[in-house]
Amino acid sequence: MTGLHHRYQSKRPVWIIILASLVCVSLLGAYIYPPRGYSACYFLSSSICSKDWLPPVPARVYTDEEIAARVVFRDIIAAPFVQSNNPKIAFMFLTPGSLPFEKLWEKFFQGHEGRFSIYVHASREKPVHVSPLFIGREIRSEKVAWGKISMVDAEKRLLANALQDTDNQHFVLLSDSCVPLHDFDYVYSYLMETNISFIDCFDDPGPHGSGRYYKHMLPEIEKKEFRKGSQWFSVKRPHALLILSDSLYYTKFKLYCKPGMEGRNCYADEHYLPTLFHMVDPGGIANWSVTHVDWSEEKWHPKAYRAQDVTFELLKNITSIDESYHKTSDESEKIHLDWMTALQCRQCAVNLDTFSVRSLDAILYWH
């Protein structure tokens, strides 16, 4: 019995050594081949387990309104395209009164009846028409204040009226100072043969970009989602329906994007649609507009071309533009160039804003 007890006692150190060795090998293996599951990190050093292996931060819980909006947006975008037997472009004019370039637009439209629709939102006074094509094309209009949500309201009002015609498949927003740079066939083919909408959209980290963001837009709109772009859009029918269906994000901009709000000037027409589409369908827009606007003077309003400015060379230079520049308002004034859209763009300036009234004769001459 004494001998057996002695042999049993002598085996204990061997098992201890074996167990200690297994633990050391396991730790060494874990160091050389780190674990990919976060549960193992509770047993290992934090220097071994990086943040990438920790459980993901759960996404915030959406509100009932957000869930409802996302369902509607998803179904609108995913709905099968209904082909019209007579597809048309809706030209929507947002103007304070009469359209100074009606004669030019009449020349543009002539011979293409049945391929276009015209809608006029006159916010100040009833227009006096010089072209029969524009007679009776006014919609019920309300006053529009520059930089305020009433500008977006007018855009929605135009879309609502234009969407009543099921043949309208593309919707172009124009001002009273816009003129066409190409003939109708070119514009029709350019817009109808694409499956995207043209909405100017870019990230401006400066004071006139994300500096206009207001924290009360949370939780639905985060600062990193806030975008900027030109007001003048051209959208496909599904996106026109999406704009009309939105009330959630529209309300945020109505309440918290205003001129002079807490010392900041936020303009809804520059931020609402770029932010909306960046959030709900970024792959469905081109991030640039088919309407050329010259901001080279760096003022609150774009450069206006006078009669003496309108030459063949000017129109040729504008129609040959194949790159989309976005100039930010931060201190470095860095110029952003979207190479993807620049490569896809060929003579992308379809319309031009802004011309003075006196330039009409010169434009008609060169057309």
Protein backbone atom coordinates (compact mmCIF):
# COMPACT_ATOMS: atom_id res chain seq x y z
CA MET A 1 0.00 0.00 0.00
CA THR A 2 2.83 2.33 0.77
CA GLY A 3 4.43 1.62 -2.60
CA LEU A 4 1.18 2.23 -4.51
CA HIS A 5 0.57 5.49 -2.68
CA HIS A 6 4.06 6.61 -3.54
CA ARG A 7 3.56 5.85 -7.26
CA TYR A 8 0.21 7.74 -7.30
CA GLN A 9 1.80 10.81 -5.71
CA SER A 10 4.64 10.78 -8.24
CA LYS A 11 2.24 11.02 -11.21
CA ARG A 12 0.62 14.32 -10.12
CA PRO A 13 3.41 16.61 -11.35
CA VAL A 14 3.26 14.98 -14.79
CA TRP A 15 -0.45 15.85 -15.26
CA ILE A 16 0.11 19.38 -14.03
CA ILE A 17 2.91 19.85 -16.54
CA ILE A 18 0.74 18.45 -19.36
CA LEU A 19 -2.19 20.76 -18.49
CA ALA A 20 0.07 23.78 -18.21
CA SER A 21 1.61 22.95 -21.57
CA LEU A 22 -1.81 22.71 -23.27
CA VAL A 23 -2.82 26.08 -21.87
CA CYS A 24 0.42 27.65 -23.11
CA VAL A 25 0.00 26.12 -26.57
CA SER A 26 -3.61 27.38 -26.74
CA LEU A 27 -2.60 30.92 -25.78
CA LEU A 28 0.27 30.88 -28.26
CA GLY A 29 -2.04 29.67 -31.01
CA ALA A 30 -4.57 32.36 -30.20
CA TYR A 31 -1.85 34.99 -30.43
CA ILE A 32 -0.51 33.71 -33.77
CA TYR A 33 -3.98 32.96 -35.20
CA PRO A 34 -6.31 35.48 -33.51
CA PRO A 35 -9.93 34.48 -32.94
CA ARG A 36 -12.57 35.73 -35.35
CA GLY A 37 -15.45 35.44 -32.94
CA TYR A 38 -16.05 38.11 -30.34
CA SER A 39 -16.92 35.60 -27.58
CA ALA A 40 -13.29 34.49 -27.34
CA CYS A 41 -12.25 38.06 -26.63
CA TYR A 42 -13.64 37.80 -23.13
CA PHE A 43 -10.90 35.29 -22.32
CA LEU A 44 -8.04 37.03 -24.12
CA SER A 45 -6.12 40.24 -23.87
CA SER A 46 -7.60 43.40 -25.42
CA SER A 47 -4.37 43.78 -27.38
CA ILE A 48 -5.22 40.56 -29.23
CA CYS A 49 -8.88 41.37 -29.89
CA SER A 50 -9.30 44.44 -32.09
CA LYS A 51 -12.48 46.51 -32.37
CA ASP A 52 -13.28 44.79 -35.65
CA TRP A 53 -14.07 41.56 -33.81
CA LEU A 54 -16.28 43.11 -31.18
CA PRO A 55 -20.05 42.80 -31.67
CA PRO A 56 -21.35 45.51 -34.08
CA VAL A 57 -23.03 48.51 -32.58
CA PRO A 58 -26.74 47.95 -33.05
CA ALA A 59 -28.45 50.32 -35.52
CA ARG A 60 -30.86 52.74 -33.94
CA VAL A 61 -34.49 51.77 -33.89
CA TYR A 62 -36.45 53.53 -36.65
CA THR A 63 -39.57 55.46 -35.78
CA ASP A 64 -42.94 54.33 -37.11
CA GLU A 65 -42.87 57.21 -39.59
CA GLU A 66 -39.44 56.19 -40.89
CA ILE A 67 -40.47 52.57 -41.35
CA ALA A 68 -43.59 53.60 -43.25
CA ALA A 69 -41.62 56.02 -45.45
CA ARG A 70 -38.92 53.47 -46.25
CA VAL A 71 -41.50 50.87 -47.26
CA VAL A 72 -43.21 53.33 -49.61
CA PHE A 73 -39.90 54.50 -51.10
CA ARG A 74 -38.71 50.93 -51.60
CA ASP A 75 -41.86 49.86 -53.40
CA ILE A 76 -41.90 52.95 -55.62
CA ILE A 77 -38.30 52.40 -56.69
CA ALA A 78 -38.67 48.64 -57.13
CA ALA A 79 -41.98 48.77 -59.00
CA PRO A 80 -41.76 47.49 -62.60
CA PHE A 81 -41.54 50.26 -65.18
CA VAL A 82 -44.83 50.83 -67.00
CA GLN A 83 -44.03 51.73 -70.60
CA SER A 84 -46.18 54.43 -72.18
CA ASN A 85 -47.26 54.14 -75.80
CA ASN A 86 -46.60 57.86 -76.17
CA PRO A 87 -43.84 58.85 -73.68
CA LYS A 88 -43.52 62.58 -73.12
CA ILE A 89 -41.25 65.00 -71.28
CA ALA A 90 -42.93 67.41 -68.89
CA PHE A 91 -41.31 70.85 -69.03
CA MET A 92 -42.16 72.63 -65.78
CA PHE A 93 -41.52 76.37 -65.65
CA LEU A 94 -41.13 78.03 -62.25
CA THR A 95 -41.49 81.75 -62.89
CA PRO A 96 -42.69 84.91 -61.12
CA GLY A 97 -44.71 85.98 -64.16
CA SER A 98 -44.35 86.04 -67.94
CA LEU A 99 -41.72 83.92 -69.66
CA PRO A 100 -39.30 86.15 -71.59
CA PHE A 101 -38.03 83.31 -73.77
CA GLU A 102 -41.36 81.89 -74.93
CA LYS A 103 -40.51 82.52 -78.58
CA LEU A 104 -37.29 80.56 -78.25
CA TRP A 105 -39.07 77.68 -76.52
CA GLU A 106 -41.79 77.75 -79.19
CA LYS A 107 -39.10 77.28 -81.83
CA PHE A 108 -37.67 74.44 -79.74
CA PHE A 109 -41.04 72.65 -79.42
CA GLN A 110 -42.40 73.16 -82.93
CA GLY A 111 -42.88 69.97 -84.93
CA HIS A 112 -42.76 67.74 -81.86
CA GLU A 113 -46.35 67.91 -80.70
CA GLY A 114 -47.35 64.89 -78.65
CA ARG A 115 -43.86 64.40 -77.24
CA PHE A 116 -43.91 67.11 -74.60
CA SER A 117 -46.13 68.76 -71.99
CA ILE A 118 -45.85 72.30 -70.59
CA TYR A 119 -46.70 73.46 -67.06
CA VAL A 120 -46.24 77.01 -65.76
CA HIS A 121 -46.19 78.02 -62.09
CA ALA A 122 -46.40 81.82 -61.98
CA SER A 123 -45.96 82.92 -58.38
CA ARG A 124 -46.54 86.68 -58.64
CA GLU A 125 -48.69 87.61 -61.61
CA LYS A 126 -50.60 85.98 -64.44
CA PRO A 127 -48.28 85.50 -67.42
CA VAL A 128 -48.85 87.26 -70.73
CA HIS A 129 -48.12 84.71 -73.45
CA VAL A 130 -46.67 85.38 -76.89
CA SER A 131 -46.74 81.72 -77.96
CA PRO A 132 -49.94 79.70 -78.41
CA LEU A 133 -48.13 76.65 -77.01
CA PHE A 134 -48.12 78.26 -73.55
CA ILE A 135 -51.69 79.51 -73.47
CA GLY A 136 -53.74 77.69 -70.83
CA ARG A 137 -50.72 75.89 -69.38
CA GLU A 138 -50.69 77.69 -66.01
CA ILE A 139 -51.40 75.66 -62.89
CA ARG A 140 -52.82 76.95 -59.61
CA SER A 141 -49.91 78.81 -58.09
CA GLU A 142 -48.90 80.25 -54.73
CA LYS A 143 -46.40 82.93 -53.79
CA VAL A 144 -42.79 81.78 -53.67
CA ALA A 145 -40.11 83.31 -51.45
CA TRP A 146 -36.48 82.83 -52.42
CA GLY A 147 -34.67 80.35 -50.20
CA LYS A 148 -37.78 79.23 -48.30
CA ILE A 149 -39.77 76.01 -48.30
CA SER A 150 -42.37 77.64 -50.55
CA MET A 151 -39.89 77.05 -53.40
CA VAL A 152 -40.05 73.30 -52.73
CA ASP A 153 -43.83 73.53 -52.44
CA ALA A 154 -43.98 75.05 -55.92
CA GLU A 155 -41.80 72.24 -57.29
CA LYS A 156 -44.10 69.64 -55.74
CA ARG A 157 -47.13 71.46 -57.11
CA LEU A 158 -45.69 71.31 -60.62
CA LEU A 159 -44.88 67.61 -60.24
CA ALA A 160 -48.37 66.82 -58.95
CA ASN A 161 -49.98 68.45 -61.98
CA ALA A 162 -47.58 66.86 -64.44
CA LEU A 163 -47.98 63.37 -62.93
CA GLN A 164 -51.69 63.44 -63.75
CA ASP A 165 -50.72 62.74 -67.36
CA THR A 166 -49.62 59.10 -67.35
CA ASP A 167 -47.69 59.63 -70.60
CA ASN A 168 -45.28 62.01 -68.87
CA GLN A 169 -42.21 59.90 -68.14
CA HIS A 170 -39.56 62.54 -67.45
CA PHE A 171 -39.93 65.82 -65.56
CA VAL A 172 -37.67 68.84 -66.06
CA LEU A 173 -37.73 71.87 -63.74
CA LEU A 174 -36.89 75.17 -65.48
CA SER A 175 -36.78 78.84 -64.54
CA ASP A 176 -37.96 81.82 -66.54
CA SER A 177 -34.34 82.48 -67.56
CA CYS A 178 -33.58 78.99 -68.89
CA VAL A 179 -32.99 78.40 -72.59
CA PRO A 180 -32.41 75.16 -74.54
CA LEU A 181 -28.89 74.51 -75.81
CA HIS A 182 -29.76 71.62 -78.14
CA ASP A 183 -32.63 70.78 -80.45
CA PHE A 184 -35.65 68.87 -79.21
CA ASP A 185 -34.63 65.48 -80.63
CA TYR A 186 -31.29 65.64 -78.82
CA VAL A 187 -32.88 66.55 -75.49
CA TYR A 188 -35.65 63.97 -75.86
CA SER A 189 -33.20 61.18 -76.67
CA TYR A 190 -30.80 62.23 -73.93
CA LEU A 191 -33.42 62.16 -71.18
CA MET A 192 -35.62 59.29 -72.35
CA GLU A 193 -32.82 56.81 -73.02
CA THR A 194 -31.38 56.97 -69.52
CA ASN A 195 -32.61 55.09 -66.45
CA ILE A 196 -31.42 57.66 -63.91
CA SER A 197 -32.52 61.08 -62.70
CA PHE A 198 -30.34 64.17 -62.84
CA ILE A 199 -30.19 65.69 -59.37
CA ASP A 200 -27.15 67.73 -58.36
CA CYS A 201 -25.80 66.27 -55.12
CA PHE A 202 -22.50 66.63 -53.29
CA ASP A 203 -21.01 66.85 -49.81
CA ASP A 204 -19.94 70.39 -48.89
CA PRO A 205 -18.18 70.38 -45.49
CA GLY A 206 -18.01 74.18 -45.43
CA PRO A 207 -20.25 76.82 -43.84
CA HIS A 208 -22.58 76.94 -46.86
CA GLY A 209 -22.92 73.16 -46.87
CA SER A 210 -23.03 71.02 -43.75
CA GLY A 211 -22.57 74.24 -41.77
CA ARG A 212 -26.27 74.84 -42.48
CA TYR A 213 -27.28 71.57 -40.83
CA TYR A 214 -29.45 71.87 -37.73
CA LYS A 215 -29.33 69.25 -34.98
CA HIS A 216 -33.11 69.14 -34.67
CA MET A 217 -33.17 67.19 -37.94
CA LEU A 218 -32.10 64.19 -35.86
CA PRO A 219 -32.76 61.32 -35.64
CA GLU A 220 -34.10 60.98 -39.18
CA ILE A 221 -31.36 63.07 -40.84
CA GLU A 222 -27.80 62.89 -39.55
CA LYS A 223 -25.22 65.55 -40.37
CA LYS A 224 -23.15 63.08 -42.40
CA GLU A 225 -26.16 62.59 -44.73
CA PHE A 226 -26.71 66.32 -45.33
CA ARG A 227 -26.10 67.22 -49.00
CA LYS A 228 -26.17 70.25 -51.28
CA GLY A 229 -26.96 70.80 -54.95
CA SER A 230 -28.48 72.97 -57.63
CA GLN A 231 -32.23 73.43 -57.53
CA TRP A 232 -32.79 72.54 -61.20
CA PHE A 233 -33.57 68.85 -61.55
CA SER A 234 -34.67 66.38 -64.19
CA VAL A 235 -36.27 63.20 -62.83
CA LYS A 236 -37.84 59.98 -64.03
CA ARG A 237 -41.46 59.22 -63.16
CA PRO A 238 -40.72 56.91 -60.17
CA HIS A 239 -38.57 59.60 -58.57
CA ALA A 240 -41.25 62.22 -59.21
CA LEU A 241 -43.70 59.96 -57.35
CA LEU A 242 -41.16 59.51 -54.55
CA ILE A 243 -40.82 63.28 -54.11
CA LEU A 244 -44.60 63.67 -53.83
CA SER A 245 -44.93 60.77 -51.41
CA ASP A 246 -42.39 62.13 -48.93
CA SER A 247 -43.65 64.04 -45.95
CA LEU A 248 -41.23 62.83 -43.28
CA TYR A 249 -38.01 64.40 -44.57
CA TYR A 250 -39.86 67.31 -46.15
CA THR A 251 -41.21 68.27 -42.71
CA LYS A 252 -37.70 68.29 -41.26
CA PHE A 253 -36.56 70.78 -43.89
CA LYS A 254 -39.72 72.84 -43.52
CA LEU A 255 -39.11 73.26 -39.80
CA TYR A 256 -35.33 73.39 -39.57
CA CYS A 257 -33.96 74.68 -42.88
CA LYS A 258 -34.76 78.39 -43.12
CA PRO A 259 -32.92 81.62 -43.90
CA GLY A 260 -31.69 83.34 -40.74
CA MET A 261 -32.32 80.41 -38.43
CA GLU A 262 -30.06 80.82 -35.37
CA GLY A 263 -27.67 82.98 -37.37
CA ARG A 264 -27.40 80.51 -40.27
CA ASN A 265 -28.96 80.63 -43.71
CA CYS A 266 -30.30 77.26 -44.81
CA TYR A 267 -32.10 77.11 -48.16
CA ALA A 268 -34.43 74.15 -48.57
CA ASP A 269 -34.35 74.16 -52.38
CA GLU A 270 -30.56 73.61 -52.27
CA HIS A 271 -30.57 70.81 -49.69
CA TYR A 272 -33.88 68.94 -49.56
CA LEU A 273 -33.77 66.87 -52.75
CA PRO A 274 -30.00 66.20 -52.69
CA THR A 275 -30.26 64.94 -49.10
CA LEU A 276 -33.44 62.94 -49.74
CA PHE A 277 -32.04 61.05 -52.71
CA HIS A 278 -28.63 60.57 -51.12
CA MET A 279 -30.44 58.78 -48.31
CA VAL A 280 -33.09 56.76 -50.17
CA ASP A 281 -31.70 56.09 -53.68
CA PRO A 282 -28.12 57.32 -54.17
CA GLY A 283 -27.52 54.91 -57.05
CA GLY A 284 -30.54 56.21 -58.95
CA ILE A 285 -29.25 59.75 -59.54
CA ALA A 286 -26.36 61.16 -61.57
CA ASN A 287 -25.19 63.65 -58.88
CA TRP A 288 -25.17 66.45 -61.46
CA SER A 289 -27.76 68.51 -63.28
CA VAL A 290 -28.44 68.78 -67.01
CA THR A 291 -28.96 72.51 -66.51
CA HIS A 292 -25.74 74.50 -66.70
CA VAL A 293 -25.38 77.30 -64.15
CA ASP A 294 -22.34 79.59 -64.04
CA TRP A 295 -21.26 80.28 -60.43
CA SER A 296 -17.83 81.65 -61.40
CA GLU A 297 -18.63 85.09 -59.96
CA GLU A 298 -19.10 83.45 -56.52
CA LYS A 299 -22.18 85.50 -55.66
CA TRP A 300 -25.57 84.57 -54.17
CA HIS A 301 -27.01 84.25 -57.68
CA PRO A 302 -25.46 82.74 -60.82
CA LYS A 303 -24.00 84.82 -63.61
CA ALA A 304 -26.56 86.35 -65.97
CA TYR A 305 -25.59 86.40 -69.65
CA ARG A 306 -26.31 89.67 -71.42
CA ALA A 307 -26.92 90.16 -75.13
CA GLN A 308 -23.27 91.05 -75.82
CA ASP A 309 -22.16 87.89 -74.01
CA VAL A 310 -24.08 85.53 -76.28
CA THR A 311 -21.79 84.33 -79.05
CA PHE A 312 -21.34 81.14 -81.00
CA GLU A 313 -18.19 80.45 -78.99
CA LEU A 314 -20.05 80.78 -75.68
CA LEU A 315 -22.75 78.31 -76.70
CA LYS A 316 -20.16 75.94 -78.18
CA ASN A 317 -18.08 76.00 -74.99
CA ILE A 318 -21.08 75.32 -72.78
CA THR A 319 -22.41 72.44 -74.90
CA SER A 320 -18.98 70.78 -74.91
CA ILE A 321 -18.81 70.53 -71.11
CA ASP A 322 -18.11 66.93 -70.09
CA GLU A 323 -17.15 67.31 -66.43
CA SER A 324 -19.11 68.15 -63.32
CA TYR A 325 -17.39 70.47 -60.87
CA HIS A 326 -18.53 70.95 -57.30
CA LYS A 327 -16.87 73.78 -55.42
CA THR A 328 -17.16 73.54 -51.66
CA SER A 329 -17.40 76.43 -49.23
CA ASP A 330 -14.77 75.31 -46.73
CA GLU A 331 -11.62 77.36 -46.16
CA SER A 332 -9.54 75.41 -48.66
CA GLU A 333 -12.21 75.92 -51.36
CA LYS A 334 -11.35 72.50 -52.68
CA ILE A 335 -12.91 71.66 -56.04
CA HIS A 336 -14.56 68.25 -56.18
CA LEU A 337 -14.76 66.50 -59.54
CA ASP A 338 -16.96 63.45 -59.85
CA TRP A 339 -14.97 61.40 -62.37
CA MET A 340 -17.59 58.68 -62.68
CA THR A 341 -20.27 61.07 -63.86
CA ALA A 342 -17.77 63.03 -65.94
CA LEU A 343 -16.89 59.88 -67.87
CA GLN A 344 -20.54 59.09 -68.46
CA CYS A 345 -21.42 62.62 -69.52
CA ARG A 346 -21.27 63.74 -73.13
CA GLN A 347 -22.41 67.29 -73.91
CA CYS A 348 -24.37 67.21 -70.69
CA ALA A 349 -25.49 70.86 -70.66
CA VAL A 350 -29.01 70.44 -72.04
CA ASN A 351 -30.46 73.69 -70.69
CA LEU A 352 -28.83 76.87 -69.52
CA ASP A 353 -29.71 79.22 -66.68
CA THR A 354 -29.42 82.28 -66.53
CA PHE A 355 -29.97 84.66 -69.48
CA SER A 356 -31.15 88.25 -69.37
CA VAL A 357 -34.25 89.27 -71.28
CA ARG A 358 -32.25 91.40 -73.72
CA SER A 359 -30.24 88.37 -74.86
CA LEU A 360 -33.25 86.81 -76.63
CA ASP A 361 -32.49 88.20 -80.08
CA ALA A 362 -28.87 87.10 -79.87
CA ILE A 363 -29.86 83.57 -78.81
CA LEU A 364 -32.45 83.28 -81.60
CA TYR A 365 -29.78 84.39 -84.06
CA TRP A 366 -27.32 81.68 -83.02
CA HIS A 367 -30.04 79.04 -82.87
